[in-house]
Amino acid sequence: MNYSTYFTNKSTATITKDLIGRPLTYNDGEHIMGGYIVEAEAYLGVKDRAAHSYGGHRSPANEGLYRKGGTIYIYAQRQYFFFDVATQEYNEPQGVLIRAIEPVWGIEQMIKNRGGKGGVLLTNGPAKMMQAFGIHSKKWNLHFLTDSPFKIDLDDSHKKLAKEIKTSARIGVSQSELEWANKKLRYYVAGNPYVSRMKKKAYQSGNGWR
């Protein structure tokens, strides 16, 4: 299955849930770094008050959401960068935010990129993940996945299966928009320590994998 097919033929929520357990890697030219996706959020476009494209808002900053499914949308907040992938067809601005990975490949380099921070703090949040990859710009924004150093492995035989995928409200959505603040569009591996805000008492053996 290619990226265009994968990121356009299903609902954004379905895509987001299916990404859980898939390998995400980044090649900086010297190191391949990455891990298994353990947390992701769906954003549902013009009707979604939490989406950057709500109401049809379109600007150079969020153009990536309007491109065909499989296009990278990197945005910045203060000095932090976040990795999204557009879903759906061209001009249907929905997307998925990858919030966290369980690190597997290039861990030593990722720790260096994070200033020596290892353990669960290495990649348990979207900005931390990008720092771990050594990304401090929007260089790869608007690139299609196949034309970038990022790879999401769509081979089902390489996917890790969670014992349970839980849903919750998305993180950081304004409570002033209660309808959208409470929608369960965040998906994560139950009991995985690399999920952002996962409490230690909730950790599961095997990090929540089957």
N, C-alpha and C. Protein backbone atom coordinates (compact mmCIF):
# COMPACT_ATOMS: atom_id res chain seq x y z
N MET A 1 0.85 -1.20 0.00
CA MET A 1 0.00 0.00 0.00
C MET A 1 0.88 1.25 0.00
N ASN A 2 0.54 2.20 -0.87
CA ASN A 2 1.34 3.42 -0.91
C ASN A 2 0.72 4.49 -0.02
N TYR A 3 1.47 5.55 0.21
CA TYR A 3 1.01 6.60 1.11
C TYR A 3 -0.25 7.28 0.61
N SER A 4 -0.33 7.54 -0.69
CA SER A 4 -1.51 8.22 -1.23
C SER A 4 -2.78 7.44 -0.93
N THR A 5 -2.72 6.13 -1.12
CA THR A 5 -3.88 5.28 -0.85
C THR A 5 -4.17 5.23 0.64
N TYR A 6 -3.14 5.02 1.43
CA TYR A 6 -3.31 4.85 2.87
C TYR A 6 -3.92 6.10 3.51
N PHE A 7 -3.46 7.26 3.11
CA PHE A 7 -3.87 8.50 3.77
C PHE A 7 -5.08 9.18 3.13
N THR A 8 -5.80 8.47 2.25
CA THR A 8 -6.97 9.11 1.63
C THR A 8 -8.23 8.25 1.66
N ASN A 9 -8.13 6.96 1.82
CA ASN A 9 -9.30 6.11 1.61
C ASN A 9 -10.06 5.74 2.87
N LYS A 10 -9.75 6.37 3.98
CA LYS A 10 -10.42 6.08 5.24
C LYS A 10 -10.65 7.39 5.99
N SER A 11 -11.46 7.35 7.02
CA SER A 11 -11.65 8.56 7.83
C SER A 11 -10.34 8.88 8.54
N THR A 12 -10.17 10.15 8.88
CA THR A 12 -8.95 10.57 9.57
C THR A 12 -8.82 9.88 10.92
N ALA A 13 -9.92 9.70 11.62
CA ALA A 13 -9.88 8.99 12.91
C ALA A 13 -9.42 7.55 12.73
N THR A 14 -9.90 6.89 11.69
CA THR A 14 -9.50 5.51 11.41
C THR A 14 -8.01 5.43 11.10
N ILE A 15 -7.53 6.37 10.30
CA ILE A 15 -6.10 6.41 9.96
C ILE A 15 -5.27 6.61 11.22
N THR A 16 -5.71 7.54 12.06
CA THR A 16 -4.96 7.86 13.28
C THR A 16 -4.84 6.64 14.18
N LYS A 17 -5.92 5.93 14.37
CA LYS A 17 -5.90 4.72 15.20
C LYS A 17 -5.01 3.66 14.58
N ASP A 18 -5.07 3.52 13.25
CA ASP A 18 -4.29 2.49 12.58
C ASP A 18 -2.79 2.76 12.62
N LEU A 19 -2.42 4.02 12.77
CA LEU A 19 -0.99 4.36 12.84
C LEU A 19 -0.34 3.88 14.14
N ILE A 20 -1.15 3.65 15.17
CA ILE A 20 -0.60 3.20 16.44
C ILE A 20 0.09 1.84 16.25
N GLY A 21 1.36 1.80 16.65
CA GLY A 21 2.16 0.58 16.50
C GLY A 21 2.98 0.51 15.24
N ARG A 22 2.81 1.48 14.34
CA ARG A 22 3.61 1.46 13.10
C ARG A 22 4.96 2.17 13.34
N PRO A 23 6.02 1.68 12.69
CA PRO A 23 7.33 2.32 12.83
C PRO A 23 7.38 3.67 12.10
N LEU A 24 7.91 4.67 12.79
CA LEU A 24 8.20 5.98 12.21
C LEU A 24 9.69 6.22 12.35
N THR A 25 10.37 6.50 11.24
CA THR A 25 11.81 6.75 11.30
C THR A 25 12.15 8.04 10.56
N TYR A 26 13.31 8.58 10.95
CA TYR A 26 13.85 9.78 10.32
C TYR A 26 15.32 9.55 10.08
N ASN A 27 15.77 9.83 8.85
CA ASN A 27 17.16 9.64 8.46
C ASN A 27 17.80 11.01 8.27
N ASP A 28 18.75 11.37 9.16
CA ASP A 28 19.38 12.68 9.07
C ASP A 28 20.59 12.69 8.14
N GLY A 29 20.81 11.58 7.44
CA GLY A 29 21.95 11.46 6.53
C GLY A 29 23.09 10.67 7.13
N GLU A 30 23.11 10.58 8.45
CA GLU A 30 24.13 9.81 9.15
C GLU A 30 23.52 8.75 10.07
N HIS A 31 22.33 9.03 10.57
CA HIS A 31 21.70 8.12 11.50
C HIS A 31 20.24 7.92 11.14
N ILE A 32 19.76 6.70 11.32
CA ILE A 32 18.33 6.42 11.24
C ILE A 32 17.81 6.34 12.66
N MET A 33 16.86 7.21 12.95
CA MET A 33 16.31 7.30 14.30
C MET A 33 14.80 7.09 14.23
N GLY A 34 14.25 6.52 15.30
CA GLY A 34 12.80 6.37 15.30
C GLY A 34 12.32 5.32 16.27
N GLY A 35 11.06 4.98 16.11
CA GLY A 35 10.44 4.00 16.99
C GLY A 35 9.01 3.74 16.57
N TYR A 36 8.28 3.08 17.45
CA TYR A 36 6.89 2.74 17.17
C TYR A 36 5.96 3.85 17.66
N ILE A 37 5.02 4.24 16.82
CA ILE A 37 4.07 5.28 17.19
C ILE A 37 3.17 4.76 18.31
N VAL A 38 3.12 5.50 19.41
CA VAL A 38 2.32 5.07 20.56
C VAL A 38 1.19 6.06 20.88
N GLU A 39 1.19 7.21 20.21
CA GLU A 39 0.18 8.23 20.51
C GLU A 39 0.01 9.15 19.31
N ALA A 40 -1.24 9.42 18.93
CA ALA A 40 -1.51 10.30 17.79
C ALA A 40 -2.90 10.91 17.95
N GLU A 41 -3.08 12.08 17.33
CA GLU A 41 -4.35 12.78 17.40
C GLU A 41 -4.88 13.10 16.01
N ALA A 42 -6.19 12.97 15.84
CA ALA A 42 -6.85 13.30 14.58
C ALA A 42 -7.39 14.73 14.64
N TYR A 43 -7.26 15.44 13.52
CA TYR A 43 -7.83 16.78 13.37
C TYR A 43 -8.68 16.80 12.11
N LEU A 44 -9.93 17.21 12.26
CA LEU A 44 -10.94 16.94 11.25
C LEU A 44 -11.32 18.12 10.36
N GLY A 45 -10.39 19.03 10.16
CA GLY A 45 -10.56 20.03 9.12
C GLY A 45 -11.47 21.19 9.45
N VAL A 46 -12.21 21.66 8.44
CA VAL A 46 -12.91 22.94 8.53
C VAL A 46 -13.98 22.96 9.62
N LYS A 47 -14.52 21.82 10.01
CA LYS A 47 -15.57 21.79 11.04
C LYS A 47 -14.99 21.67 12.45
N ASP A 48 -13.71 21.36 12.54
CA ASP A 48 -13.06 21.05 13.82
C ASP A 48 -12.45 22.33 14.41
N ARG A 49 -13.05 22.81 15.50
CA ARG A 49 -12.59 24.08 16.08
C ARG A 49 -11.16 24.01 16.62
N ALA A 50 -10.62 22.81 16.79
CA ALA A 50 -9.25 22.66 17.27
C ALA A 50 -8.25 22.56 16.13
N ALA A 51 -8.74 22.44 14.90
CA ALA A 51 -7.86 22.26 13.74
C ALA A 51 -7.35 23.61 13.24
N HIS A 52 -6.14 23.60 12.71
CA HIS A 52 -5.56 24.83 12.15
C HIS A 52 -6.32 25.29 10.90
N SER A 53 -7.12 24.40 10.33
CA SER A 53 -7.88 24.73 9.12
C SER A 53 -9.35 24.99 9.42
N TYR A 54 -9.69 25.19 10.68
CA TYR A 54 -11.09 25.42 11.06
C TYR A 54 -11.68 26.59 10.29
N GLY A 55 -12.90 26.38 9.80
CA GLY A 55 -13.59 27.43 9.07
C GLY A 55 -13.02 27.71 7.70
N GLY A 56 -12.12 26.83 7.24
CA GLY A 56 -11.50 27.03 5.94
C GLY A 56 -10.30 27.95 5.98
N HIS A 57 -9.80 28.24 7.19
CA HIS A 57 -8.60 29.10 7.28
C HIS A 57 -7.46 28.47 6.48
N ARG A 58 -6.85 29.27 5.65
CA ARG A 58 -5.74 28.79 4.82
C ARG A 58 -4.70 29.89 4.70
N SER A 59 -3.45 29.52 4.93
CA SER A 59 -2.34 30.47 4.85
C SER A 59 -1.08 29.68 4.51
N PRO A 60 0.01 30.37 4.19
CA PRO A 60 1.25 29.63 3.94
C PRO A 60 1.65 28.74 5.12
N ALA A 61 1.28 29.14 6.32
CA ALA A 61 1.68 28.38 7.50
C ALA A 61 0.99 27.03 7.60
N ASN A 62 -0.26 26.92 7.13
CA ASN A 62 -0.98 25.64 7.27
C ASN A 62 -1.29 24.99 5.93
N GLU A 63 -0.60 25.43 4.88
CA GLU A 63 -0.85 24.91 3.55
C GLU A 63 -0.70 23.39 3.47
N GLY A 64 0.18 22.85 4.29
CA GLY A 64 0.41 21.40 4.26
C GLY A 64 -0.85 20.59 4.47
N LEU A 65 -1.77 21.10 5.28
CA LEU A 65 -3.02 20.38 5.54
C LEU A 65 -3.89 20.28 4.29
N TYR A 66 -3.73 21.22 3.37
CA TYR A 66 -4.57 21.26 2.17
C TYR A 66 -4.01 20.41 1.03
N ARG A 67 -2.82 19.90 1.22
CA ARG A 67 -2.23 19.06 0.18
C ARG A 67 -2.78 17.63 0.27
N LYS A 68 -2.43 16.81 -0.71
CA LYS A 68 -2.97 15.45 -0.74
C LYS A 68 -2.47 14.63 0.45
N GLY A 69 -3.27 13.67 0.84
CA GLY A 69 -2.92 12.81 1.96
C GLY A 69 -1.54 12.18 1.77
N GLY A 70 -0.75 12.23 2.84
CA GLY A 70 0.63 11.74 2.77
C GLY A 70 1.64 12.86 2.71
N THR A 71 1.15 14.12 2.69
CA THR A 71 2.03 15.29 2.70
C THR A 71 2.35 15.66 4.14
N ILE A 72 3.60 16.00 4.38
CA ILE A 72 4.05 16.39 5.72
C ILE A 72 3.63 17.83 6.01
N TYR A 73 3.09 18.02 7.20
CA TYR A 73 2.74 19.35 7.69
C TYR A 73 3.49 19.55 9.01
N ILE A 74 4.53 20.37 8.97
CA ILE A 74 5.29 20.69 10.18
C ILE A 74 4.94 22.11 10.59
N TYR A 75 4.56 22.28 11.83
CA TYR A 75 4.27 23.63 12.31
C TYR A 75 5.08 23.91 13.57
N ALA A 76 5.18 25.18 13.88
CA ALA A 76 5.99 25.60 15.02
C ALA A 76 5.14 26.35 16.03
N GLN A 77 5.44 26.13 17.30
CA GLN A 77 4.89 26.92 18.39
C GLN A 77 6.06 27.32 19.27
N ARG A 78 6.28 28.62 19.36
CA ARG A 78 7.47 29.14 20.01
C ARG A 78 8.70 28.49 19.34
N GLN A 79 9.59 27.85 20.11
CA GLN A 79 10.77 27.26 19.47
C GLN A 79 10.60 25.77 19.20
N TYR A 80 9.37 25.27 19.36
CA TYR A 80 9.12 23.84 19.22
C TYR A 80 8.47 23.51 17.88
N PHE A 81 8.74 22.30 17.38
CA PHE A 81 8.22 21.87 16.09
C PHE A 81 7.42 20.58 16.25
N PHE A 82 6.40 20.45 15.39
CA PHE A 82 5.45 19.35 15.50
C PHE A 82 5.26 18.69 14.13
N PHE A 83 5.09 17.37 14.15
CA PHE A 83 5.04 16.58 12.92
C PHE A 83 3.63 16.06 12.67
N ASP A 84 3.03 16.52 11.58
CA ASP A 84 1.71 16.07 11.16
C ASP A 84 1.80 15.49 9.76
N VAL A 85 0.81 14.70 9.42
CA VAL A 85 0.66 14.21 8.05
C VAL A 85 -0.76 14.52 7.60
N ALA A 86 -0.88 15.12 6.42
CA ALA A 86 -2.20 15.42 5.88
C ALA A 86 -2.92 14.13 5.54
N THR A 87 -4.22 14.15 5.77
CA THR A 87 -5.07 13.02 5.39
C THR A 87 -6.14 13.53 4.43
N GLN A 88 -6.73 12.65 3.72
CA GLN A 88 -7.80 12.95 2.75
C GLN A 88 -7.24 13.55 1.46
N GLU A 89 -8.16 13.93 0.60
CA GLU A 89 -7.79 14.41 -0.73
C GLU A 89 -7.35 15.87 -0.68
N TYR A 90 -6.76 16.31 -1.79
CA TYR A 90 -6.33 17.71 -1.93
C TYR A 90 -7.50 18.65 -1.61
N ASN A 91 -7.22 19.69 -0.83
CA ASN A 91 -8.20 20.70 -0.44
C ASN A 91 -9.21 20.23 0.61
N GLU A 92 -8.99 19.06 1.19
CA GLU A 92 -9.80 18.60 2.33
C GLU A 92 -8.85 18.56 3.53
N PRO A 93 -8.70 19.69 4.25
CA PRO A 93 -7.57 19.89 5.16
C PRO A 93 -7.67 19.20 6.52
N GLN A 94 -7.59 17.89 6.49
CA GLN A 94 -7.55 17.12 7.72
C GLN A 94 -6.15 16.55 7.92
N GLY A 95 -5.85 16.13 9.15
CA GLY A 95 -4.50 15.61 9.38
C GLY A 95 -4.40 14.87 10.70
N VAL A 96 -3.23 14.26 10.87
CA VAL A 96 -2.92 13.53 12.10
C VAL A 96 -1.62 14.07 12.68
N LEU A 97 -1.65 14.35 13.97
CA LEU A 97 -0.45 14.79 14.70
C LEU A 97 0.15 13.57 15.39
N ILE A 98 1.41 13.27 15.10
CA ILE A 98 2.11 12.19 15.80
C ILE A 98 2.64 12.77 17.10
N ARG A 99 2.13 12.26 18.22
CA ARG A 99 2.48 12.85 19.51
C ARG A 99 3.64 12.15 20.21
N ALA A 100 3.84 10.86 19.99
CA ALA A 100 4.90 10.17 20.73
C ALA A 100 5.25 8.85 20.06
N ILE A 101 6.51 8.46 20.24
CA ILE A 101 6.98 7.15 19.79
C ILE A 101 7.70 6.45 20.94
N GLU A 102 7.69 5.13 20.88
CA GLU A 102 8.56 4.34 21.76
C GLU A 102 9.87 4.14 21.00
N PRO A 103 10.97 4.73 21.47
CA PRO A 103 12.21 4.72 20.69
C PRO A 103 12.81 3.34 20.54
N VAL A 104 13.31 3.07 19.34
CA VAL A 104 13.91 1.76 19.03
C VAL A 104 15.22 1.93 18.27
N TRP A 105 15.21 2.78 17.26
CA TRP A 105 16.37 2.92 16.38
C TRP A 105 17.08 4.25 16.63
N GLY A 106 18.42 4.20 16.69
CA GLY A 106 19.21 5.41 16.85
C GLY A 106 19.03 6.08 18.20
N ILE A 107 18.78 5.28 19.23
CA ILE A 107 18.50 5.85 20.54
C ILE A 107 19.66 6.71 21.06
N GLU A 108 20.87 6.24 20.88
CA GLU A 108 22.04 6.99 21.37
C GLU A 108 22.10 8.38 20.76
N GLN A 109 21.85 8.46 19.45
CA GLN A 109 21.87 9.76 18.79
C GLN A 109 20.70 10.62 19.24
N MET A 110 19.56 10.01 19.43
CA MET A 110 18.40 10.78 19.89
C MET A 110 18.64 11.37 21.28
N ILE A 111 19.29 10.61 22.14
CA ILE A 111 19.62 11.12 23.48
C ILE A 111 20.56 12.33 23.36
N LYS A 112 21.54 12.24 22.46
CA LYS A 112 22.43 13.38 22.22
C LYS A 112 21.64 14.59 21.74
N ASN A 113 20.73 14.34 20.81
CA ASN A 113 19.92 15.44 20.27
C ASN A 113 19.03 16.09 21.33
N ARG A 114 18.70 15.31 22.34
CA ARG A 114 17.85 15.81 23.43
C ARG A 114 18.67 16.33 24.60
N GLY A 115 19.97 16.52 24.38
CA GLY A 115 20.81 17.09 25.43
C GLY A 115 21.05 16.14 26.57
N GLY A 116 21.05 14.83 26.27
CA GLY A 116 21.32 13.83 27.29
C GLY A 116 20.09 13.29 28.00
N LYS A 117 18.92 13.76 27.61
CA LYS A 117 17.69 13.28 28.25
C LYS A 117 17.26 11.96 27.63
N GLY A 118 17.29 10.91 28.44
CA GLY A 118 16.89 9.59 27.95
C GLY A 118 15.68 9.08 28.69
N GLY A 119 15.50 7.77 28.66
CA GLY A 119 14.36 7.17 29.33
C GLY A 119 13.06 7.61 28.69
N VAL A 120 11.99 7.62 29.47
CA VAL A 120 10.69 7.95 28.90
C VAL A 120 10.61 9.40 28.44
N LEU A 121 11.48 10.26 28.97
CA LEU A 121 11.46 11.66 28.58
C LEU A 121 12.02 11.89 27.17
N LEU A 122 12.58 10.86 26.59
CA LEU A 122 13.22 11.02 25.29
C LEU A 122 12.23 11.43 24.21
N THR A 123 11.11 10.75 24.14
CA THR A 123 10.18 10.97 23.02
C THR A 123 8.72 10.96 23.46
N ASN A 124 8.43 11.29 24.72
CA ASN A 124 7.04 11.20 25.22
C ASN A 124 6.28 12.51 25.04
N GLY A 125 6.33 13.04 23.84
CA GLY A 125 5.61 14.26 23.50
C GLY A 125 6.01 14.69 22.10
N PRO A 126 5.16 15.42 21.40
CA PRO A 126 5.43 15.75 20.00
C PRO A 126 6.65 16.62 19.78
N ALA A 127 6.88 17.61 20.66
CA ALA A 127 8.06 18.47 20.51
C ALA A 127 9.33 17.71 20.89
N LYS A 128 9.23 16.86 21.90
CA LYS A 128 10.39 16.05 22.31
C LYS A 128 10.80 15.10 21.19
N MET A 129 9.82 14.52 20.52
CA MET A 129 10.13 13.61 19.42
C MET A 129 10.91 14.32 18.32
N MET A 130 10.48 15.52 17.96
CA MET A 130 11.17 16.26 16.92
C MET A 130 12.57 16.69 17.37
N GLN A 131 12.71 17.06 18.63
CA GLN A 131 14.04 17.37 19.16
C GLN A 131 14.94 16.15 19.10
N ALA A 132 14.38 14.99 19.43
CA ALA A 132 15.16 13.75 19.39
C ALA A 132 15.65 13.44 17.98
N PHE A 133 14.86 13.82 16.99
CA PHE A 133 15.28 13.63 15.60
C PHE A 133 16.29 14.70 15.16
N GLY A 134 16.48 15.72 15.98
CA GLY A 134 17.39 16.80 15.62
C GLY A 134 16.78 17.80 14.67
N ILE A 135 15.45 17.92 14.70
CA ILE A 135 14.75 18.82 13.79
C ILE A 135 14.41 20.13 14.50
N HIS A 136 14.91 21.22 13.93
CA HIS A 136 14.69 22.54 14.53
C HIS A 136 14.26 23.55 13.47
N SER A 137 13.57 23.06 12.45
CA SER A 137 13.08 23.95 11.40
C SER A 137 11.90 23.28 10.69
N LYS A 138 11.31 24.02 9.77
CA LYS A 138 10.19 23.50 8.98
C LYS A 138 10.66 23.05 7.60
N LYS A 139 11.91 22.68 7.51
CA LYS A 139 12.51 22.34 6.21
C LYS A 139 11.68 21.34 5.42
N TRP A 140 11.14 20.33 6.10
CA TRP A 140 10.45 19.26 5.38
C TRP A 140 8.95 19.47 5.28
N ASN A 141 8.48 20.62 5.72
CA ASN A 141 7.07 20.96 5.54
C ASN A 141 6.72 20.97 4.06
N LEU A 142 5.55 20.48 3.71
CA LEU A 142 5.01 20.43 2.34
C LEU A 142 5.63 19.34 1.47
N HIS A 143 6.57 18.58 1.99
CA HIS A 143 7.12 17.47 1.23
C HIS A 143 6.21 16.25 1.38
N PHE A 144 6.08 15.49 0.30
CA PHE A 144 5.38 14.22 0.40
C PHE A 144 6.29 13.24 1.12
N LEU A 145 5.71 12.31 1.86
CA LEU A 145 6.53 11.40 2.67
C LEU A 145 7.62 10.70 1.87
N THR A 146 7.29 10.27 0.66
CA THR A 146 8.27 9.55 -0.14
C THR A 146 9.43 10.43 -0.59
N ASP A 147 9.24 11.75 -0.55
CA ASP A 147 10.28 12.71 -0.95
C ASP A 147 10.94 13.35 0.26
N SER A 148 10.94 12.63 1.36
CA SER A 148 11.48 13.17 2.60
C SER A 148 12.30 12.10 3.31
N PRO A 149 13.03 12.48 4.37
CA PRO A 149 13.78 11.51 5.15
C PRO A 149 12.93 10.79 6.20
N PHE A 150 11.63 11.11 6.23
CA PHE A 150 10.72 10.42 7.13
C PHE A 150 10.14 9.18 6.45
N LYS A 151 9.90 8.16 7.25
CA LYS A 151 9.25 6.96 6.72
C LYS A 151 8.28 6.42 7.77
N ILE A 152 7.07 6.16 7.33
CA ILE A 152 6.11 5.44 8.15
C ILE A 152 5.93 4.08 7.48
N ASP A 153 6.27 3.03 8.19
CA ASP A 153 6.25 1.68 7.62
C ASP A 153 4.81 1.18 7.61
N LEU A 154 4.27 0.97 6.42
CA LEU A 154 2.88 0.52 6.28
C LEU A 154 2.76 -0.99 6.13
N ASP A 155 3.87 -1.70 6.26
CA ASP A 155 3.85 -3.16 6.19
C ASP A 155 3.26 -3.70 7.50
N ASP A 156 2.10 -4.33 7.41
CA ASP A 156 1.42 -4.80 8.62
C ASP A 156 2.25 -5.81 9.40
N SER A 157 3.16 -6.51 8.73
CA SER A 157 3.98 -7.50 9.43
C SER A 157 5.03 -6.84 10.33
N HIS A 158 5.26 -5.54 10.13
CA HIS A 158 6.22 -4.79 10.95
C HIS A 158 5.54 -3.99 12.05
N LYS A 159 4.23 -4.06 12.10
CA LYS A 159 3.46 -3.27 13.06
C LYS A 159 3.38 -4.00 14.40
N LYS A 160 3.57 -3.26 15.49
CA LYS A 160 3.37 -3.82 16.82
C LYS A 160 1.91 -3.67 17.20
N LEU A 161 1.37 -4.67 17.84
CA LEU A 161 -0.04 -4.66 18.21
C LEU A 161 -0.19 -4.36 19.69
N ALA A 162 -1.00 -3.38 19.98
CA ALA A 162 -1.26 -3.02 21.36
C ALA A 162 -2.28 -3.96 21.98
N LYS A 163 -2.12 -4.21 23.26
CA LYS A 163 -3.15 -4.97 23.98
C LYS A 163 -4.46 -4.18 23.97
N GLU A 164 -4.33 -2.86 24.11
CA GLU A 164 -5.50 -1.99 24.09
C GLU A 164 -5.10 -0.62 23.58
N ILE A 165 -5.86 -0.10 22.63
CA ILE A 165 -5.69 1.28 22.18
C ILE A 165 -6.80 2.09 22.82
N LYS A 166 -6.42 3.04 23.65
CA LYS A 166 -7.40 3.88 24.33
C LYS A 166 -7.60 5.19 23.56
N THR A 167 -8.73 5.82 23.85
CA THR A 167 -9.02 7.12 23.26
C THR A 167 -9.27 8.13 24.39
N SER A 168 -9.01 9.37 24.08
CA SER A 168 -9.29 10.44 25.05
C SER A 168 -9.48 11.74 24.29
N ALA A 169 -9.83 12.77 25.03
CA ALA A 169 -9.82 14.11 24.45
C ALA A 169 -8.39 14.47 24.07
N ARG A 170 -8.27 15.33 23.08
CA ARG A 170 -6.94 15.76 22.66
C ARG A 170 -6.32 16.67 23.71
N ILE A 171 -5.00 16.74 23.70
CA ILE A 171 -4.27 17.53 24.69
C ILE A 171 -4.09 18.96 24.18
N GLY A 172 -4.34 19.92 25.07
CA GLY A 172 -4.08 21.31 24.73
C GLY A 172 -5.16 22.01 23.95
N VAL A 173 -6.32 21.37 23.81
CA VAL A 173 -7.43 22.01 23.11
C VAL A 173 -8.19 22.90 24.09
N SER A 174 -8.47 24.11 23.68
CA SER A 174 -9.12 25.09 24.56
C SER A 174 -10.45 24.57 25.09
N GLN A 175 -10.63 24.68 26.39
CA GLN A 175 -11.88 24.25 27.00
C GLN A 175 -13.04 25.18 26.65
N SER A 176 -12.75 26.30 26.03
CA SER A 176 -13.82 27.21 25.62
C SER A 176 -14.64 26.61 24.49
N GLU A 177 -14.07 25.63 23.82
CA GLU A 177 -14.78 24.93 22.74
C GLU A 177 -15.09 23.53 23.23
N LEU A 178 -16.04 23.43 24.16
CA LEU A 178 -16.25 22.17 24.87
C LEU A 178 -16.59 21.01 23.95
N GLU A 179 -17.38 21.28 22.91
CA GLU A 179 -17.76 20.19 22.01
C GLU A 179 -16.52 19.51 21.43
N TRP A 180 -15.57 20.32 20.96
CA TRP A 180 -14.39 19.77 20.33
C TRP A 180 -13.30 19.43 21.33
N ALA A 181 -13.28 20.12 22.45
CA ALA A 181 -12.29 19.82 23.48
C ALA A 181 -12.52 18.43 24.06
N ASN A 182 -13.74 17.98 24.06
CA ASN A 182 -14.07 16.69 24.68
C ASN A 182 -14.14 15.53 23.71
N LYS A 183 -14.05 15.79 22.42
CA LYS A 183 -14.13 14.69 21.46
C LYS A 183 -12.92 13.77 21.61
N LYS A 184 -13.19 12.48 21.59
CA LYS A 184 -12.13 11.49 21.80
C LYS A 184 -11.42 11.19 20.48
N LEU A 185 -10.47 12.06 20.15
CA LEU A 185 -9.74 11.94 18.90
C LEU A 185 -8.24 11.73 19.13
N ARG A 186 -7.88 11.43 20.35
CA ARG A 186 -6.50 11.08 20.70
C ARG A 186 -6.46 9.57 20.95
N TYR A 187 -5.53 8.91 20.29
CA TYR A 187 -5.39 7.45 20.40
C TYR A 187 -4.01 7.13 20.96
N TYR A 188 -3.96 6.15 21.87
CA TYR A 188 -2.67 5.81 22.46
C TYR A 188 -2.66 4.39 22.99
N VAL A 189 -1.44 3.86 23.15
CA VAL A 189 -1.26 2.51 23.68
C VAL A 189 -1.45 2.55 25.19
N ALA A 190 -2.44 1.85 25.68
CA ALA A 190 -2.70 1.83 27.12
C ALA A 190 -1.48 1.28 27.86
N GLY A 191 -1.03 2.02 28.87
CA GLY A 191 0.06 1.54 29.72
C GLY A 191 1.44 1.70 29.15
N ASN A 192 1.57 2.37 28.01
CA ASN A 192 2.91 2.56 27.44
C ASN A 192 3.57 3.79 28.07
N PRO A 193 4.77 3.66 28.64
CA PRO A 193 5.40 4.77 29.36
C PRO A 193 5.80 5.94 28.48
N TYR A 194 5.87 5.73 27.16
CA TYR A 194 6.27 6.82 26.26
C TYR A 194 5.10 7.67 25.80
N VAL A 195 3.89 7.30 26.19
CA VAL A 195 2.73 8.15 25.90
C VAL A 195 2.81 9.39 26.80
N SER A 196 2.59 10.55 26.22
CA SER A 196 2.69 11.77 27.02
C SER A 196 1.67 11.74 28.15
N ARG A 197 2.13 12.22 29.31
CA ARG A 197 1.31 12.31 30.52
C ARG A 197 0.87 10.95 31.09
N MET A 198 1.50 9.88 30.66
CA MET A 198 1.18 8.56 31.20
C MET A 198 1.72 8.47 32.63
N LYS A 199 0.87 8.19 33.58
CA LYS A 199 1.29 8.08 34.98
C LYS A 199 1.98 6.73 35.22
N LYS A 200 3.00 6.76 36.10
CA LYS A 200 3.77 5.54 36.37
C LYS A 200 2.88 4.40 36.84
N LYS A 201 1.90 4.71 37.62
CA LYS A 201 1.03 3.67 38.17
C LYS A 201 0.21 2.98 37.07
N ALA A 202 0.14 3.61 35.90
CA ALA A 202 -0.62 3.03 34.78
C ALA A 202 0.26 2.22 33.84
N TYR A 203 1.59 2.22 34.04
CA TYR A 203 2.47 1.46 33.17
C TYR A 203 2.08 -0.01 33.19
N GLN A 204 2.17 -0.64 32.02
CA GLN A 204 1.86 -2.06 31.91
C GLN A 204 3.11 -2.84 31.54
N SER A 205 3.12 -4.10 31.90
CA SER A 205 4.23 -4.96 31.51
C SER A 205 4.28 -5.05 29.99
N GLY A 206 5.50 -5.11 29.47
CA GLY A 206 5.66 -5.16 28.02
C GLY A 206 5.26 -3.87 27.33
N ASN A 207 5.16 -2.79 28.13
CA ASN A 207 4.81 -1.46 27.60
C ASN A 207 3.46 -1.43 26.89
N GLY A 208 2.61 -2.41 27.22
CA GLY A 208 1.27 -2.40 26.66
C GLY A 208 1.12 -3.09 25.32
N TRP A 209 2.19 -3.76 24.87
CA TRP A 209 2.13 -4.49 23.58
C TRP A 209 1.70 -5.94 23.83
N ARG A 210 1.11 -6.53 22.81
CA ARG A 210 0.74 -7.93 22.89
C ARG A 210 1.98 -8.81 22.91
